[in-house]
C-alpha atoms as a PDB file:
ATOM      1  CA  UNK A   1       3.849 -49.454 -38.722  1.00  0.00           C
ATOM      2  CA  UNK A   2       0.890 -47.782 -40.665  1.00  0.00           C
ATOM      3  CA  UNK A   3       1.390 -44.016 -41.270  1.00  0.00           C
ATOM      4  CA  UNK A   4      -1.376 -42.886 -38.348  1.00  0.00           C
ATOM      5  CA  UNK A   5       0.948 -44.548 -35.931  1.00  0.00           C
ATOM      6  CA  UNK A   6       3.777 -42.943 -37.756  1.00  0.00           C
ATOM      7  CA  UNK A   7       1.907 -39.760 -37.180  1.00  0.00           C
ATOM      8  CA  UNK A   8       1.385 -40.564 -33.499  1.00  0.00           C
ATOM      9  CA  UNK A   9       4.689 -41.598 -32.508  1.00  0.00           C
ATOM     10  CA  UNK A  10       6.253 -38.062 -34.272  1.00  0.00           C
ATOM     11  CA  UNK A  11       3.119 -36.151 -32.272  1.00  0.00           C
ATOM     12  CA  UNK A  12       4.135 -37.704 -29.249  1.00  0.00           C
ATOM     13  CA  UNK A  13       8.061 -36.867 -29.707  1.00  0.00           C
ATOM     14  CA  UNK A  14       7.355 -33.410 -30.592  1.00  0.00           C
ATOM     15  CA  UNK A  15       5.331 -33.214 -27.332  1.00  0.00           C
ATOM     16  CA  UNK A  16       8.004 -34.623 -25.004  1.00  0.00           C
ATOM     17  CA  UNK A  17      10.742 -32.338 -26.753  1.00  0.00           C
ATOM     18  CA  UNK A  18       8.511 -29.303 -26.203  1.00  0.00           C
ATOM     19  CA  UNK A  19       7.835 -30.107 -22.363  1.00  0.00           C
ATOM     20  CA  UNK A  20      11.792 -30.630 -22.004  1.00  0.00           C
ATOM     21  CA  UNK A  21      12.639 -27.488 -23.312  1.00  0.00           C
ATOM     22  CA  UNK A  22       9.884 -25.794 -21.174  1.00  0.00           C
ATOM     23  CA  UNK A  23      11.249 -27.769 -18.105  1.00  0.00           C
ATOM     24  CA  UNK A  24      14.715 -26.651 -19.074  1.00  0.00           C
ATOM     25  CA  UNK A  25      13.857 -22.766 -19.477  1.00  0.00           C
ATOM     26  CA  UNK A  26      12.017 -22.696 -15.947  1.00  0.00           C
ATOM     27  CA  UNK A  27      15.434 -24.107 -14.388  1.00  0.00           C
ATOM     28  CA  UNK A  28      17.468 -21.894 -16.202  1.00  0.00           C
ATOM     29  CA  UNK A  29      15.351 -19.064 -15.403  1.00  0.00           C
ATOM     30  CA  UNK A  30      14.985 -20.150 -11.621  1.00  0.00           C
ATOM     31  CA  UNK A  31      19.167 -19.976 -11.723  1.00  0.00           C
ATOM     32  CA  UNK A  32      19.357 -16.866 -13.099  1.00  0.00           C
ATOM     33  CA  UNK A  33      16.949 -14.996 -10.849  1.00  0.00           C
ATOM     34  CA  UNK A  34      19.358 -16.928  -7.783  1.00  0.00           C
ATOM     35  CA  UNK A  35      22.146 -15.092  -9.510  1.00  0.00           C
ATOM     36  CA  UNK A  36      20.923 -11.920  -9.833  1.00  0.00           C
ATOM     37  CA  UNK A  37      19.122 -11.503  -6.276  1.00  0.00           C
ATOM     38  CA  UNK A  38      23.160 -11.187  -4.947  1.00  0.00           C
ATOM     39  CA  UNK A  39      23.255  -8.100  -7.012  1.00  0.00           C
ATOM     40  CA  UNK A  40      22.329  -4.658  -4.859  1.00  0.00           C
ATOM     41  CA  UNK A  41      20.246  -1.718  -6.006  1.00  0.00           C
ATOM     42  CA  UNK A  42      23.715   0.080  -6.675  1.00  0.00           C
ATOM     43  CA  UNK A  43      25.248  -2.570  -8.811  1.00  0.00           C
ATOM     44  CA  UNK A  44      21.797  -2.880 -10.891  1.00  0.00           C
ATOM     45  CA  UNK A  45      21.931   1.264 -11.272  1.00  0.00           C
ATOM     46  CA  UNK A  46      25.833   1.197 -12.520  1.00  0.00           C
ATOM     47  CA  UNK A  47      25.253  -1.423 -14.508  1.00  0.00           C
ATOM     48  CA  UNK A  48      22.281   0.504 -16.070  1.00  0.00           C
ATOM     49  CA  UNK A  49      24.672   3.398 -16.175  1.00  0.00           C
ATOM     50  CA  UNK A  50      27.629   1.451 -18.466  1.00  0.00           C
ATOM     51  CA  UNK A  51      24.712  -0.241 -20.061  1.00  0.00           C
ATOM     52  CA  UNK A  52      23.681   2.924 -22.066  1.00  0.00           C
ATOM     53  CA  UNK A  53      27.271   4.189 -22.563  1.00  0.00           C
ATOM     54  CA  UNK A  54      27.819   0.826 -24.465  1.00  0.00           C
ATOM     55  CA  UNK A  55      24.812   1.424 -26.427  1.00  0.00           C
ATOM     56  CA  UNK A  56      26.190   4.923 -27.819  1.00  0.00           C
ATOM     57  CA  UNK A  57      29.591   3.563 -28.138  1.00  0.00           C
ATOM     58  CA  UNK A  58      28.245   0.862 -30.394  1.00  0.00           C
ATOM     59  CA  UNK A  59      26.158   3.423 -32.337  1.00  0.00           C
ATOM     60  CA  UNK A  60      23.116   1.413 -31.416  1.00  0.00           C
ATOM     61  CA  UNK A  61      20.982   4.645 -30.752  1.00  0.00           C
ATOM     62  CA  UNK A  62      20.296   7.154 -33.663  1.00  0.00           C
ATOM     63  CA  UNK A  63      18.750  10.448 -33.116  1.00  0.00           C
ATOM     64  CA  UNK A  64      15.067  11.189 -34.309  1.00  0.00           C
ATOM     65  CA  UNK A  65      14.353   7.114 -34.480  1.00  0.00           C
ATOM     66  CA  UNK A  66      11.807   5.114 -32.982  1.00  0.00           C
ATOM     67  CA  UNK A  67      12.979   2.487 -30.187  1.00  0.00           C
ATOM     68  CA  UNK A  68      10.949  -0.235 -28.685  1.00  0.00           C
ATOM     69  CA  UNK A  69      12.780  -0.493 -25.103  1.00  0.00           C
ATOM     70  CA  UNK A  70      11.302  -1.625 -21.707  1.00  0.00           C
ATOM     71  CA  UNK A  71      11.075  -0.622 -18.122  1.00  0.00           C
ATOM     72  CA  UNK A  72      13.278  -2.522 -15.730  1.00  0.00           C
ATOM     73  CA  UNK A  73      11.798  -4.538 -13.033  1.00  0.00           C
ATOM     74  CA  UNK A  74      12.855  -7.021 -10.254  1.00  0.00           C
ATOM     75  CA  UNK A  75      16.411  -7.519 -10.432  1.00  0.00           C
ATOM     76  CA  UNK A  76      17.033  -6.582 -13.480  1.00  0.00           C
ATOM     77  CA  UNK A  77      19.654  -4.045 -14.097  1.00  0.00           C
ATOM     78  CA  UNK A  78      18.308  -0.290 -14.292  1.00  0.00           C
ATOM     79  CA  UNK A  79      16.956   0.762 -17.666  1.00  0.00           C
ATOM     80  CA  UNK A  80      16.411   4.257 -16.504  1.00  0.00           C
ATOM     81  CA  UNK A  81      19.617   5.305 -18.207  1.00  0.00           C
ATOM     82  CA  UNK A  82      19.333   3.874 -21.276  1.00  0.00           C
ATOM     83  CA  UNK A  83      15.701   5.520 -21.625  1.00  0.00           C
ATOM     84  CA  UNK A  84      17.233   8.867 -20.550  1.00  0.00           C
ATOM     85  CA  UNK A  85      19.944   8.208 -23.366  1.00  0.00           C
ATOM     86  CA  UNK A  86      17.094   7.791 -25.980  1.00  0.00           C
ATOM     87  CA  UNK A  87      15.157  10.827 -25.096  1.00  0.00           C
ATOM     88  CA  UNK A  88      18.789  12.793 -25.054  1.00  0.00           C
ATOM     89  CA  UNK A  89      18.989  11.746 -28.780  1.00  0.00           C
ATOM     90  CA  UNK A  90      15.525  12.715 -29.025  1.00  0.00           C
ATOM     91  CA  UNK A  91      14.234   8.934 -30.029  1.00  0.00           C
ATOM     92  CA  UNK A  92      10.500   8.019 -30.243  1.00  0.00           C
ATOM     93  CA  UNK A  93      10.166   5.711 -27.450  1.00  0.00           C
ATOM     94  CA  UNK A  94       7.977   2.931 -27.175  1.00  0.00           C
ATOM     95  CA  UNK A  95       7.359   0.344 -24.126  1.00  0.00           C
ATOM     96  CA  UNK A  96       5.034  -2.651 -23.450  1.00  0.00           C
ATOM     97  CA  UNK A  97       1.636  -2.152 -22.126  1.00  0.00           C
ATOM     98  CA  UNK A  98       0.745  -5.755 -21.033  1.00  0.00           C
ATOM     99  CA  UNK A  99      -3.214  -5.063 -20.463  1.00  0.00           C
ATOM    100  CA  UNK A 100      -4.275  -8.423 -18.900  1.00  0.00           C
ATOM    101  CA  UNK A 101      -1.052  -9.734 -18.978  1.00  0.00           C
ATOM    102  CA  UNK A 102      -0.631 -11.463 -22.667  1.00  0.00           C
ATOM    103  CA  UNK A 103      -2.173  -8.467 -24.624  1.00  0.00           C
ATOM    104  CA  UNK A 104       0.342  -7.161 -26.936  1.00  0.00           C
ATOM    105  CA  UNK A 105       0.644  -3.198 -27.145  1.00  0.00           C
ATOM    106  CA  UNK A 106       2.638  -0.325 -26.790  1.00  0.00           C
ATOM    107  CA  UNK A 107       2.626   3.096 -25.525  1.00  0.00           C
ATOM    108  CA  UNK A 108       4.642   6.039 -26.309  1.00  0.00           C
ATOM    109  CA  UNK A 109       6.942   7.211 -23.362  1.00  0.00           C
ATOM    110  CA  UNK A 110       7.505  10.975 -23.450  1.00  0.00           C
ATOM    111  CA  UNK A 111       9.466  11.019 -19.815  1.00  0.00           C
ATOM    112  CA  UNK A 112      10.982   8.673 -17.361  1.00  0.00           C
ATOM    113  CA  UNK A 113       8.885  10.386 -14.853  1.00  0.00           C
ATOM    114  CA  UNK A 114       5.384   9.091 -16.667  1.00  0.00           C
ATOM    115  CA  UNK A 115       6.359   5.764 -15.802  1.00  0.00           C
ATOM    116  CA  UNK A 116       3.751   4.040 -12.767  1.00  0.00           C
ATOM    117  CA  UNK A 117       3.578   1.209 -10.558  1.00  0.00           C
ATOM    118  CA  UNK A 118       1.103  -1.449 -11.826  1.00  0.00           C
ATOM    119  CA  UNK A 119      -1.155  -2.352  -9.020  1.00  0.00           C
ATOM    120  CA  UNK A 120      -3.269  -5.762  -8.021  1.00  0.00           C
ATOM    121  CA  UNK A 121      -7.244  -5.563  -7.505  1.00  0.00           C
ATOM    122  CA  UNK A 122      -6.534  -4.877  -3.559  1.00  0.00           C
ATOM    123  CA  UNK A 123      -4.535  -1.858  -4.545  1.00  0.00           C
ATOM    124  CA  UNK A 124      -1.203  -3.268  -3.789  1.00  0.00           C
ATOM    125  CA  UNK A 125       2.003  -2.796  -5.906  1.00  0.00           C
ATOM    126  CA  UNK A 126       2.239  -5.595  -8.244  1.00  0.00           C
ATOM    127  CA  UNK A 127       6.188  -6.471  -8.252  1.00  0.00           C
ATOM    128  CA  UNK A 128       5.668  -9.083 -11.063  1.00  0.00           C
ATOM    129  CA  UNK A 129       4.469  -5.993 -13.615  1.00  0.00           C
ATOM    130  CA  UNK A 130       7.042  -3.487 -15.368  1.00  0.00           C
ATOM    131  CA  UNK A 131       5.902  -0.133 -14.938  1.00  0.00           C
ATOM    132  CA  UNK A 132       3.784   1.438 -17.557  1.00  0.00           C
ATOM    133  CA  UNK A 133       2.763   4.792 -18.599  1.00  0.00           C
ATOM    134  CA  UNK A 134      -1.039   5.745 -18.435  1.00  0.00           C
ATOM    135  CA  UNK A 135      -1.534   7.070 -21.826  1.00  0.00           C
ATOM    136  CA  UNK A 136      -2.963   5.700 -24.907  1.00  0.00           C
ATOM    137  CA  UNK A 137      -2.302   2.225 -25.930  1.00  0.00           C
ATOM    138  CA  UNK A 138      -1.420   1.325 -29.347  1.00  0.00           C
ATOM    139  CA  UNK A 139      -1.615  -2.379 -30.697  1.00  0.00           C
ATOM    140  CA  UNK A 140       1.080  -4.571 -31.772  1.00  0.00           C
ATOM    141  CA  UNK A 141       1.416  -3.143 -35.055  1.00  0.00           C
ATOM    142  CA  UNK A 142       2.964   0.204 -33.609  1.00  0.00           C
ATOM    143  CA  UNK A 143       6.260  -2.073 -33.266  1.00  0.00           C
ATOM    144  CA  UNK A 144       6.782  -1.591 -37.309  1.00  0.00           C
ATOM    145  CA  UNK A 145       7.718   1.790 -36.448  1.00  0.00           C
ATOM    146  CA  UNK A 146      10.498   1.043 -34.413  1.00  0.00           C
ATOM    147  CA  UNK A 147      14.400   0.006 -36.092  1.00  0.00           C
ATOM    148  CA  UNK A 148      15.861  -0.640 -33.060  1.00  0.00           C
ATOM    149  CA  UNK A 149      13.981  -2.863 -30.422  1.00  0.00           C
ATOM    150  CA  UNK A 150      15.707  -3.635 -27.272  1.00  0.00           C
ATOM    151  CA  UNK A 151      14.205  -6.642 -25.349  1.00  0.00           C
ATOM    152  CA  UNK A 152      15.206  -8.540 -21.764  1.00  0.00           C
ATOM    153  CA  UNK A 153      16.843 -11.476 -21.237  1.00  0.00           C
ATOM    154  CA  UNK A 154      18.018 -14.036 -18.747  1.00  0.00           C
ATOM    155  CA  UNK A 155      20.504 -15.690 -21.568  1.00  0.00           C
ATOM    156  CA  UNK A 156      21.325 -15.796 -25.056  1.00  0.00           C
ATOM    157  CA  UNK A 157      23.357 -18.071 -26.997  1.00  0.00           C
ATOM    158  CA  UNK A 158      25.389 -17.702 -30.132  1.00  0.00           C
ATOM    159  CA  UNK A 159      22.497 -18.030 -32.416  1.00  0.00           C
ATOM    160  CA  UNK A 160      20.535 -15.459 -30.899  1.00  0.00           C
ATOM    161  CA  UNK A 161      18.073 -17.586 -28.853  1.00  0.00           C
ATOM    162  CA  UNK A 162      17.148 -15.652 -25.368  1.00  0.00           C
ATOM    163  CA  UNK A 163      15.596 -16.725 -22.448  1.00  0.00           C
ATOM    164  CA  UNK A 164      13.120 -14.199 -21.661  1.00  0.00           C
ATOM    165  CA  UNK A 165      11.002 -13.291 -18.510  1.00  0.00           C
ATOM    166  CA  UNK A 166       8.573 -16.006 -19.375  1.00  0.00           C
ATOM    167  CA  UNK A 167       5.078 -16.091 -21.147  1.00  0.00           C
ATOM    168  CA  UNK A 168       5.993 -15.204 -24.511  1.00  0.00           C
ATOM    169  CA  UNK A 169       4.642 -12.070 -24.571  1.00  0.00           C
ATOM    170  CA  UNK A 170       7.667 -10.609 -26.814  1.00  0.00           C
ATOM    171  CA  UNK A 171       8.085 -13.423 -29.158  1.00  0.00           C
ATOM    172  CA  UNK A 172       4.445 -12.698 -30.065  1.00  0.00           C
ATOM    173  CA  UNK A 173       5.356  -8.820 -30.371  1.00  0.00           C
ATOM    174  CA  UNK A 174       8.307  -9.678 -32.703  1.00  0.00           C
ATOM    175  CA  UNK A 175       5.865 -10.954 -35.371  1.00  0.00           C
ATOM    176  CA  UNK A 176       4.991  -7.039 -36.001  1.00  0.00           C
ATOM    177  CA  UNK A 177       8.606  -6.232 -36.494  1.00  0.00           C
ATOM    178  CA  UNK A 178       9.665  -4.408 -39.483  1.00  0.00           C
ATOM    179  CA  UNK A 179      12.025  -6.069 -41.829  1.00  0.00           C
ATOM    180  CA  UNK A 180      15.444  -4.761 -41.111  1.00  0.00           C
ATOM    181  CA  UNK A 181      14.564  -3.835 -37.492  1.00  0.00           C
ATOM    182  CA  UNK A 182      17.322  -4.895 -35.131  1.00  0.00           C
ATOM    183  CA  UNK A 183      16.452  -6.941 -32.117  1.00  0.00           C
ATOM    184  CA  UNK A 184      19.236  -6.524 -29.270  1.00  0.00           C
ATOM    185  CA  UNK A 185      18.565  -8.574 -26.220  1.00  0.00           C
ATOM    186  CA  UNK A 186      19.894  -7.109 -22.431  1.00  0.00           C
ATOM    187  CA  UNK A 187      21.224  -9.176 -20.047  1.00  0.00           C
ATOM    188  CA  UNK A 188      24.434  -8.882 -17.011  1.00  0.00           C
ATOM    189  CA  UNK A 189      27.816  -9.654 -18.333  1.00  0.00           C
ATOM    190  CA  UNK A 190      27.951 -13.473 -16.996  1.00  0.00           C
ATOM    191  CA  UNK A 191      24.658 -14.307 -18.898  1.00  0.00           C
ATOM    192  CA  UNK A 192      25.352 -14.797 -22.899  1.00  0.00           C
ATOM    193  CA  UNK A 193      26.299 -18.343 -22.779  1.00  0.00           C
ATOM    194  CA  UNK A 194      28.327 -20.981 -25.001  1.00  0.00           C
ATOM    195  CA  UNK A 195      25.587 -23.477 -24.253  1.00  0.00           C
ATOM    196  CA  UNK A 196      22.442 -23.650 -26.271  1.00  0.00           C
ATOM    197  CA  UNK A 197      19.794 -21.700 -24.614  1.00  0.00           C
ATOM    198  CA  UNK A 198      16.469 -24.096 -24.583  1.00  0.00           C
ATOM    199  CA  UNK A 199      14.278 -22.997 -27.024  1.00  0.00           C
ATOM    200  CA  UNK A 200      10.684 -23.741 -28.836  1.00  0.00           C
ATOM    201  CA  UNK A 201       9.665 -23.536 -32.433  1.00  0.00           C
ATOM    202  CA  UNK A 202       8.146 -20.221 -32.044  1.00  0.00           C
ATOM    203  CA  UNK A 203      10.797 -18.671 -30.228  1.00  0.00           C
ATOM    204  CA  UNK A 204      12.351 -15.767 -32.480  1.00  0.00           C
ATOM    205  CA  UNK A 205      16.268 -15.118 -32.275  1.00  0.00           C
ATOM    206  CA  UNK A 206      17.866 -11.891 -31.273  1.00  0.00           C
ATOM    207  CA  UNK A 207      20.618 -10.228 -33.549  1.00  0.00           C
ATOM    208  CA  UNK A 208      22.490  -8.799 -30.608  1.00  0.00           C
ATOM    209  CA  UNK A 209      23.534  -8.821 -27.014  1.00  0.00           C
ATOM    210  CA  UNK A 210      24.468  -5.918 -24.839  1.00  0.00           C
ATOM    211  CA  UNK A 211      25.618  -5.961 -21.685  1.00  0.00           C
ATOM    212  CA  UNK A 212      27.477  -3.333 -19.311  1.00  0.00           C
ATOM    213  CA  UNK A 213      30.529  -4.889 -20.575  1.00  0.00           C
ATOM    214  CA  UNK A 214      29.942  -4.122 -24.291  1.00  0.00           C
ATOM    215  CA  UNK A 215      27.793  -5.068 -27.653  1.00  0.00           C
ATOM    216  CA  UNK A 216      27.972  -8.334 -29.665  1.00  0.00           C
ATOM    217  CA  UNK A 217      26.494  -9.365 -32.653  1.00  0.00           C
ATOM    218  CA  UNK A 218      24.952 -12.501 -32.927  1.00  0.00           C
ATOM    219  CA  UNK A 219      23.589 -12.912 -36.158  1.00  0.00           C
ATOM    220  CA  UNK A 220      24.617 -10.898 -39.431  1.00  0.00           C
END
């Protein structure tokens, strides 16, 4: 086999593996969404309250620091109590601004009440986008100020690989994180897994996982 043929075979193998991992991600995400749909709004709010309490107990929230968090959507547990806990600790809170959907940007959130539904071109609410504030947008480099970065997840394994919402937004955003910052994934208690989470070369592992039942460090 010539060097060129060996290179072609290696390239085909890499493409096949990438396709396999993406197929697995889609299936895992579909299964996770199906399970989450069985939760009620009341359960999602109570889970959010417990989540914030666990964050306090794990000493994840430090007063007068910058924290990058997110607004919950769909059948995710409510992030409202967590965001309020950050405000109560006088934290500067950053939330994603998606722009056209793939743009990497952040805005400072001054209050829960500043979050606004995103709309489609016909004026209807876009249920596939999280709420965002309407103030100015900071670039991706704003993440360098955050000591704690809280990200959504459908699953997290022991190596810290997470299954996200899809699209790779956070993996691209996390390239701008500061050295020494902590990345913590939020998910339901049944979603941390002993099985390896499907992942690709660009996927960035998290440092810990926070559920309504507690906090677990997954990477030292």
